[in-house]
Amino acid sequence: VGSCVVGVIFFPLWLTWRFVSKYRGGGPSLCNPAYLGGLPWGYLARVAFFSGTISQFSTWLWYYTLTITSASANTAVEQSSPAFVYLMSLVFLGERPDLWRGLAVAVTVGGVVLVSL
């Protein structure tokens, strides 16, 4: 239970704080609304909770699938995720196909195939 609390609440909040501090410069001044990009703490907490919940669910799902498949099959599927992310960005975000990204995805898929042989 403790790891779920840390994973769902504290880690995404820390990640959000690191992201904000990286792009705002200077020392951490989280009390300043301008430092948070004008976003209220409540909104950031909801986003952190949602992303932490999704992250914990995907981690649980990965461990669950270890009981029904092999570790090498799970790793192959996990390592091919950049290909899925690129394809979904083309479909849902309307990005244009790019030669270099396509080659990077092909190299990724080729590496997955080589490792899983």
Foldseek 3Di string as FASTA:
>chain_A
DVVLCCQQAVPLVVVLQVVLCVPQDDDRDPVDCVSSVVDDPVVSRVVSNVVSVVVVVVVVVLVVVVVVDPPLVSVLVVQLVLVVVVVCCCVPVVDDDDPVSVVVSVVSNVVSVVSSD
